[in-house]
């Protein structure tokens, strides 16, 4: 499937980033099962720890809008980087928790470079819900 259009949505989300400290904006666009796109952007905080990444913002926003984990269809992430940007480790863990393993993850940059992967490929040998299900 061609996800260039979803990457363009991530670029729109990128413009909304609140980045007064780093100046490094990231945008994400999460596609749900109904074809709706949920934008996310990074939101910085002076204490840094409370900063929230674009990918988590998009997923949390979709869940706050009433969508159920595991129903998302794809996510695109974009940043002003030389190579396509990839989610941080925390976002990879949240993707594993809220999305199915084979969900496409489209990595991009503002120059138009694209790389496609999946949630499972981003976090191999992961610890997630399936390890806790038998307890």
C-alpha atoms as a PDB file:
ATOM      1  CA  UNK A   1       0.000   0.000   0.000  1.00  0.00           C
ATOM      2  CA  UNK A   2       1.202   3.518  -0.785  1.00  0.00           C
ATOM      3  CA  UNK A   3       1.431   5.531   2.426  1.00  0.00           C
ATOM      4  CA  UNK A   4       2.804   8.756   0.942  1.00  0.00           C
ATOM      5  CA  UNK A   5      -0.478  10.472   1.768  1.00  0.00           C
ATOM      6  CA  UNK A   6      -0.149   9.407   5.429  1.00  0.00           C
ATOM      7  CA  UNK A   7       3.371  10.809   5.507  1.00  0.00           C
ATOM      8  CA  UNK A   8       1.943  14.119   4.240  1.00  0.00           C
ATOM      9  CA  UNK A   9      -0.481  14.058   7.183  1.00  0.00           C
ATOM     10  CA  UNK A  10       2.491  13.549   9.525  1.00  0.00           C
ATOM     11  CA  UNK A  11       4.144  16.599   7.955  1.00  0.00           C
ATOM     12  CA  UNK A  12       1.000  18.623   8.770  1.00  0.00           C
ATOM     13  CA  UNK A  13       1.190  17.391  12.362  1.00  0.00           C
ATOM     14  CA  UNK A  14       4.893  18.319  12.466  1.00  0.00           C
ATOM     15  CA  UNK A  15       3.967  21.990  12.025  1.00  0.00           C
ATOM     16  CA  UNK A  16       1.992  21.877  15.302  1.00  0.00           C
ATOM     17  CA  UNK A  17       4.922  20.742  17.482  1.00  0.00           C
ATOM     18  CA  UNK A  18       5.554  22.675  20.704  1.00  0.00           C
ATOM     19  CA  UNK A  19       9.365  22.741  20.768  1.00  0.00           C
ATOM     20  CA  UNK A  20      10.623  25.880  22.562  1.00  0.00           C
ATOM     21  CA  UNK A  21      13.764  24.159  23.907  1.00  0.00           C
ATOM     22  CA  UNK A  22      15.122  21.784  21.282  1.00  0.00           C
ATOM     23  CA  UNK A  23      13.627  23.296  18.145  1.00  0.00           C
ATOM     24  CA  UNK A  24      13.336  19.685  16.893  1.00  0.00           C
ATOM     25  CA  UNK A  25       9.799  19.010  15.746  1.00  0.00           C
ATOM     26  CA  UNK A  26       8.323  15.585  15.065  1.00  0.00           C
ATOM     27  CA  UNK A  27       4.922  14.815  13.580  1.00  0.00           C
ATOM     28  CA  UNK A  28       2.915  11.595  13.508  1.00  0.00           C
ATOM     29  CA  UNK A  29      -0.246  10.537  11.724  1.00  0.00           C
ATOM     30  CA  UNK A  30      -2.098   7.458  12.994  1.00  0.00           C
ATOM     31  CA  UNK A  31      -4.627   5.781  10.689  1.00  0.00           C
ATOM     32  CA  UNK A  32      -7.548   4.090  12.429  1.00  0.00           C
ATOM     33  CA  UNK A  33      -9.821   1.298  11.210  1.00  0.00           C
ATOM     34  CA  UNK A  34     -12.426   3.836  10.057  1.00  0.00           C
ATOM     35  CA  UNK A  35      -9.981   5.673   7.798  1.00  0.00           C
ATOM     36  CA  UNK A  36      -9.676   8.631  10.172  1.00  0.00           C
ATOM     37  CA  UNK A  37      -6.232  10.146  10.786  1.00  0.00           C
ATOM     38  CA  UNK A  38      -5.179  11.240  14.275  1.00  0.00           C
ATOM     39  CA  UNK A  39      -2.369  13.810  14.334  1.00  0.00           C
ATOM     40  CA  UNK A  40       0.302  13.885  17.006  1.00  0.00           C
ATOM     41  CA  UNK A  41       3.262  16.179  17.581  1.00  0.00           C
ATOM     42  CA  UNK A  42       5.944  16.362  20.207  1.00  0.00           C
ATOM     43  CA  UNK A  43       5.175  18.624  23.156  1.00  0.00           C
ATOM     44  CA  UNK A  44       8.210  19.713  25.157  1.00  0.00           C
ATOM     45  CA  UNK A  45       8.516  20.640  28.798  1.00  0.00           C
ATOM     46  CA  UNK A  46      11.318  22.536  30.549  1.00  0.00           C
ATOM     47  CA  UNK A  47      11.862  19.537  32.844  1.00  0.00           C
ATOM     48  CA  UNK A  48      12.307  17.298  29.730  1.00  0.00           C
ATOM     49  CA  UNK A  49      10.942  14.151  31.445  1.00  0.00           C
ATOM     50  CA  UNK A  50       7.300  15.193  30.986  1.00  0.00           C
ATOM     51  CA  UNK A  51       7.902  15.803  27.259  1.00  0.00           C
ATOM     52  CA  UNK A  52       5.637  13.677  25.062  1.00  0.00           C
ATOM     53  CA  UNK A  53       6.624  12.358  21.642  1.00  0.00           C
ATOM     54  CA  UNK A  54       4.508  12.732  18.516  1.00  0.00           C
ATOM     55  CA  UNK A  55       3.793   9.010  18.177  1.00  0.00           C
ATOM     56  CA  UNK A  56       2.478   8.686  21.734  1.00  0.00           C
ATOM     57  CA  UNK A  57       0.483  11.899  21.369  1.00  0.00           C
ATOM     58  CA  UNK A  58      -1.281  10.473  18.283  1.00  0.00           C
ATOM     59  CA  UNK A  59      -2.003   7.108  19.926  1.00  0.00           C
ATOM     60  CA  UNK A  60      -3.179   8.615  23.217  1.00  0.00           C
ATOM     61  CA  UNK A  61      -5.347  11.093  21.336  1.00  0.00           C
ATOM     62  CA  UNK A  62      -6.990   8.297  19.338  1.00  0.00           C
ATOM     63  CA  UNK A  63      -7.697   6.309  22.504  1.00  0.00           C
ATOM     64  CA  UNK A  64      -9.044   9.426  24.212  1.00  0.00           C
ATOM     65  CA  UNK A  65     -11.355   9.778  21.190  1.00  0.00           C
ATOM     66  CA  UNK A  66     -12.774   6.324  21.984  1.00  0.00           C
ATOM     67  CA  UNK A  67     -10.781   3.996  19.752  1.00  0.00           C
ATOM     68  CA  UNK A  68      -9.623   0.650  21.066  1.00  0.00           C
ATOM     69  CA  UNK A  69      -5.990  -0.509  21.163  1.00  0.00           C
ATOM     70  CA  UNK A  70      -5.164  -2.978  18.413  1.00  0.00           C
ATOM     71  CA  UNK A  71      -7.481  -1.387  15.853  1.00  0.00           C
ATOM     72  CA  UNK A  72      -5.012   1.031  14.298  1.00  0.00           C
ATOM     73  CA  UNK A  73      -3.989   0.418  10.685  1.00  0.00           C
ATOM     74  CA  UNK A  74      -0.728   2.364  10.216  1.00  0.00           C
ATOM     75  CA  UNK A  75       1.345   5.216  11.590  1.00  0.00           C
ATOM     76  CA  UNK A  76       3.664   7.639   9.790  1.00  0.00           C
ATOM     77  CA  UNK A  77       6.373   9.587  11.604  1.00  0.00           C
ATOM     78  CA  UNK A  78       8.347  12.504  10.187  1.00  0.00           C
ATOM     79  CA  UNK A  79      11.131  14.785  11.365  1.00  0.00           C
ATOM     80  CA  UNK A  80      13.643  17.214   9.918  1.00  0.00           C
ATOM     81  CA  UNK A  81      16.420  14.609   9.724  1.00  0.00           C
ATOM     82  CA  UNK A  82      18.925  13.439   7.107  1.00  0.00           C
ATOM     83  CA  UNK A  83      17.516   9.892   7.135  1.00  0.00           C
ATOM     84  CA  UNK A  84      13.914   8.826   7.831  1.00  0.00           C
ATOM     85  CA  UNK A  85      13.254   9.302  11.542  1.00  0.00           C
ATOM     86  CA  UNK A  86      12.495   6.334  13.794  1.00  0.00           C
ATOM     87  CA  UNK A  87      10.507   6.234  17.054  1.00  0.00           C
ATOM     88  CA  UNK A  88      12.377   6.343  20.354  1.00  0.00           C
ATOM     89  CA  UNK A  89      12.446   3.287  22.596  1.00  0.00           C
ATOM     90  CA  UNK A  90       9.542   4.466  24.756  1.00  0.00           C
ATOM     91  CA  UNK A  91       7.368   5.016  21.677  1.00  0.00           C
ATOM     92  CA  UNK A  92       8.325   1.585  20.336  1.00  0.00           C
ATOM     93  CA  UNK A  93       7.129   0.022  23.593  1.00  0.00           C
ATOM     94  CA  UNK A  94       3.836   1.958  23.453  1.00  0.00           C
ATOM     95  CA  UNK A  95       3.370   0.957  19.787  1.00  0.00           C
ATOM     96  CA  UNK A  96       3.815  -2.671  20.858  1.00  0.00           C
ATOM     97  CA  UNK A  97       1.204  -2.243  23.583  1.00  0.00           C
ATOM     98  CA  UNK A  98      -1.437  -0.415  21.525  1.00  0.00           C
ATOM     99  CA  UNK A  99      -0.951  -1.734  17.972  1.00  0.00           C
ATOM    100  CA  UNK A 100      -0.738  -5.140  16.322  1.00  0.00           C
ATOM    101  CA  UNK A 101       2.741  -6.397  15.506  1.00  0.00           C
ATOM    102  CA  UNK A 102       2.361  -6.334  11.732  1.00  0.00           C
ATOM    103  CA  UNK A 103       1.005  -2.782  11.628  1.00  0.00           C
ATOM    104  CA  UNK A 104       2.938  -0.710   9.080  1.00  0.00           C
ATOM    105  CA  UNK A 105       5.166   2.029  10.495  1.00  0.00           C
ATOM    106  CA  UNK A 106       6.187   4.566   7.859  1.00  0.00           C
ATOM    107  CA  UNK A 107       9.351   6.480   8.701  1.00  0.00           C
ATOM    108  CA  UNK A 108      10.065   9.702   6.833  1.00  0.00           C
ATOM    109  CA  UNK A 109      11.762  13.048   6.782  1.00  0.00           C
ATOM    110  CA  UNK A 110      10.884  16.472   5.395  1.00  0.00           C
ATOM    111  CA  UNK A 111      12.926  15.761   2.234  1.00  0.00           C
ATOM    112  CA  UNK A 112      10.498  12.994   1.268  1.00  0.00           C
ATOM    113  CA  UNK A 113      12.658   9.971   2.090  1.00  0.00           C
ATOM    114  CA  UNK A 114      10.564   7.005   3.224  1.00  0.00           C
ATOM    115  CA  UNK A 115      11.285   3.685   4.899  1.00  0.00           C
ATOM    116  CA  UNK A 116       8.554   1.214   5.854  1.00  0.00           C
ATOM    117  CA  UNK A 117       8.745  -1.291   8.697  1.00  0.00           C
ATOM    118  CA  UNK A 118       6.370  -2.886  11.218  1.00  0.00           C
ATOM    119  CA  UNK A 119       5.826  -2.569  14.946  1.00  0.00           C
ATOM    120  CA  UNK A 120       7.406  -6.014  15.525  1.00  0.00           C
ATOM    121  CA  UNK A 121      10.463  -5.162  13.441  1.00  0.00           C
ATOM    122  CA  UNK A 122      11.002  -1.969  15.472  1.00  0.00           C
ATOM    123  CA  UNK A 123      11.130  -3.873  18.758  1.00  0.00           C
ATOM    124  CA  UNK A 124      12.344  -7.465  18.340  1.00  0.00           C
ATOM    125  CA  UNK A 125      12.456  -9.788  21.382  1.00  0.00           C
ATOM    126  CA  UNK A 126      10.013  -7.483  23.102  1.00  0.00           C
ATOM    127  CA  UNK A 127       8.246  -7.693  26.434  1.00  0.00           C
ATOM    128  CA  UNK A 128       4.565  -6.946  26.124  1.00  0.00           C
ATOM    129  CA  UNK A 129       1.015  -7.952  26.960  1.00  0.00           C
ATOM    130  CA  UNK A 130       1.478 -11.570  25.885  1.00  0.00           C
ATOM    131  CA  UNK A 131       4.107 -12.122  28.594  1.00  0.00           C
ATOM    132  CA  UNK A 132       1.653 -10.970  31.268  1.00  0.00           C
ATOM    133  CA  UNK A 133      -1.461 -12.717  29.916  1.00  0.00           C
ATOM    134  CA  UNK A 134      -0.706 -16.035  31.641  1.00  0.00           C
ATOM    135  CA  UNK A 135      -0.147 -14.498  35.091  1.00  0.00           C
END
